[in-house]
């Protein structure tokens, strides 16, 4: 029993950490999808159809989505999306053209596993970097 309890707690901590990691990855993927969805929409401007959102507007929309779900950076502050960690790439060769929104190097803190590993082997880095990507076809 004395050996089984620490092992069981380690397994539970791993499951909880990986569950939160999976959830944050899913939220990042959904934020990229929100950005791609906004980026491929068009609006009528005079006699032509143009993009309905600017890159800054899309980035703000994605950042609001992440903040509403309380996604934080490694320091515990709300995530700030910049041109360095949030990119927009148009591929004009297919018809219709496609927009790819990529979130990269988004830091995520593991909660329990690094602290438990510190007790045994010196531990691991408690920060992981996630990325998410979504591609959608232009709608105009």
Protein backbone atom coordinates (compact mmCIF):
# COMPACT_ATOMS: atom_id res chain seq x y z
CA UNK A 1 0.00 0.00 0.00
CA UNK A 2 2.83 2.41 0.84
CA UNK A 3 4.35 1.94 -2.62
CA UNK A 4 1.07 1.91 -4.51
CA UNK A 5 -0.27 5.25 -3.24
CA UNK A 6 2.57 7.47 -4.58
CA UNK A 7 2.44 5.63 -7.89
CA UNK A 8 -1.32 6.10 -8.08
CA UNK A 9 -0.98 9.81 -7.26
CA UNK A 10 1.67 10.18 -9.97
CA UNK A 11 -0.65 8.58 -12.52
CA UNK A 12 -3.54 10.82 -11.45
CA UNK A 13 -1.33 13.93 -11.68
CA UNK A 14 -0.23 12.89 -15.16
CA UNK A 15 -3.80 12.35 -16.30
CA UNK A 16 -4.87 15.76 -14.94
CA UNK A 17 -1.90 17.56 -16.55
CA UNK A 18 -2.40 15.86 -19.90
CA UNK A 19 -6.13 16.59 -19.74
CA UNK A 20 -5.49 20.29 -19.23
CA UNK A 21 -2.85 20.23 -21.97
CA UNK A 22 -5.31 18.63 -24.39
CA UNK A 23 -7.99 21.18 -23.45
CA UNK A 24 -5.63 24.13 -24.05
CA UNK A 25 -4.56 22.67 -27.40
CA UNK A 26 -8.22 22.37 -28.38
CA UNK A 27 -8.90 25.98 -27.35
CA UNK A 28 -5.92 27.16 -29.44
CA UNK A 29 -7.22 25.18 -32.42
CA UNK A 30 -10.65 26.75 -31.98
CA UNK A 31 -9.09 30.22 -31.78
CA UNK A 32 -7.22 29.56 -35.05
CA UNK A 33 -10.51 28.39 -36.56
CA UNK A 34 -12.22 31.59 -35.37
CA UNK A 35 -9.47 33.62 -37.02
CA UNK A 36 -9.61 31.68 -40.28
CA UNK A 37 -13.40 31.95 -40.37
CA UNK A 38 -13.24 35.72 -39.93
CA UNK A 39 -10.44 36.06 -42.48
CA UNK A 40 -12.22 34.28 -45.32
CA UNK A 41 -15.43 36.30 -45.06
CA UNK A 42 -16.04 39.09 -47.52
CA UNK A 43 -18.11 42.26 -47.57
CA UNK A 44 -19.41 44.39 -50.40
CA UNK A 45 -17.54 47.66 -50.86
CA UNK A 46 -18.99 49.61 -53.75
CA UNK A 47 -18.97 47.27 -56.75
CA UNK A 48 -16.41 44.82 -55.36
CA UNK A 49 -16.14 42.31 -52.57
CA UNK A 50 -13.27 42.80 -50.14
CA UNK A 51 -12.12 41.16 -46.92
CA UNK A 52 -14.49 41.88 -44.05
CA UNK A 53 -11.76 41.88 -41.39
CA UNK A 54 -8.19 43.17 -41.21
CA UNK A 55 -5.41 41.05 -39.74
CA UNK A 56 -5.42 43.26 -36.65
CA UNK A 57 -9.19 42.75 -36.23
CA UNK A 58 -8.79 38.99 -36.65
CA UNK A 59 -5.93 38.86 -34.15
CA UNK A 60 -8.03 40.86 -31.66
CA UNK A 61 -10.98 38.52 -32.16
CA UNK A 62 -8.76 35.48 -31.54
CA UNK A 63 -7.19 37.09 -28.48
CA UNK A 64 -10.64 37.85 -27.06
CA UNK A 65 -11.62 34.21 -27.60
CA UNK A 66 -8.52 33.03 -25.71
CA UNK A 67 -9.08 35.52 -22.88
CA UNK A 68 -12.73 34.53 -22.52
CA UNK A 69 -11.56 30.96 -21.91
CA UNK A 70 -8.88 32.17 -19.48
CA UNK A 71 -5.87 30.96 -21.47
CA UNK A 72 -2.72 32.46 -19.96
CA UNK A 73 0.94 32.58 -20.91
CA UNK A 74 3.77 31.06 -18.86
CA UNK A 75 3.87 34.06 -16.51
CA UNK A 76 0.14 33.82 -15.78
CA UNK A 77 -0.81 36.88 -17.85
CA UNK A 78 -3.46 36.84 -20.58
CA UNK A 79 -1.98 35.82 -23.93
CA UNK A 80 -1.06 38.63 -26.31
CA UNK A 81 -1.11 37.63 -29.96
CA UNK A 82 1.50 39.35 -32.13
CA UNK A 83 2.78 38.91 -35.66
CA UNK A 84 5.45 36.64 -34.14
CA UNK A 85 3.10 34.05 -32.66
CA UNK A 86 0.05 34.51 -34.92
CA UNK A 87 0.55 34.42 -38.68
CA UNK A 88 -1.78 34.63 -41.68
CA UNK A 89 -0.78 32.99 -44.97
CA UNK A 90 -2.77 33.20 -48.20
CA UNK A 91 -2.31 30.40 -50.72
CA UNK A 92 -3.58 31.80 -54.03
CA UNK A 93 -2.87 28.76 -56.24
CA UNK A 94 -6.07 26.80 -55.48
CA UNK A 95 -9.45 28.12 -56.49
CA UNK A 96 -10.79 29.64 -54.31
CA UNK A 97 -7.69 30.91 -52.48
CA UNK A 98 -7.09 29.59 -48.97
CA UNK A 99 -6.14 31.32 -45.74
CA UNK A 100 -4.04 29.51 -43.13
CA UNK A 101 -4.00 30.93 -39.61
CA UNK A 102 -1.17 29.62 -37.43
CA UNK A 103 -0.68 30.09 -33.70
CA UNK A 104 2.83 29.08 -32.67
CA UNK A 105 5.02 29.09 -29.58
CA UNK A 106 2.10 29.55 -27.20
CA UNK A 107 3.48 28.71 -23.72
CA UNK A 108 1.50 26.40 -21.47
CA UNK A 109 2.41 25.56 -17.86
CA UNK A 110 2.17 22.01 -16.64
CA UNK A 111 0.79 22.07 -13.11
CA UNK A 112 1.68 18.88 -11.27
CA UNK A 113 4.13 16.65 -13.13
CA UNK A 114 7.21 18.94 -12.92
CA UNK A 115 6.70 19.43 -9.18
CA UNK A 116 6.38 15.69 -8.59
CA UNK A 117 9.41 14.94 -10.76
CA UNK A 118 11.47 17.46 -8.76
CA UNK A 119 11.14 15.06 -5.84
CA UNK A 120 12.85 12.25 -7.76
CA UNK A 121 15.18 13.26 -10.59
CA UNK A 122 15.59 17.02 -10.69
CA UNK A 123 12.49 17.57 -12.77
CA UNK A 124 11.65 18.76 -16.24
CA UNK A 125 10.78 22.13 -17.67
CA UNK A 126 7.23 22.96 -16.67
CA UNK A 127 6.56 25.00 -19.83
CA UNK A 128 5.47 23.42 -23.09
CA UNK A 129 4.93 25.33 -26.32
CA UNK A 130 1.83 24.54 -28.35
CA UNK A 131 0.82 25.44 -31.85
CA UNK A 132 -2.43 25.31 -33.77
CA UNK A 133 -3.30 25.77 -37.42
CA UNK A 134 -6.49 26.10 -39.43
CA UNK A 135 -6.96 26.49 -43.20
CA UNK A 136 -10.18 27.67 -44.87
CA UNK A 137 -11.14 28.65 -48.40
CA UNK A 138 -12.03 32.26 -49.20
CA UNK A 139 -15.78 32.83 -49.44
CA UNK A 140 -15.83 35.62 -51.99
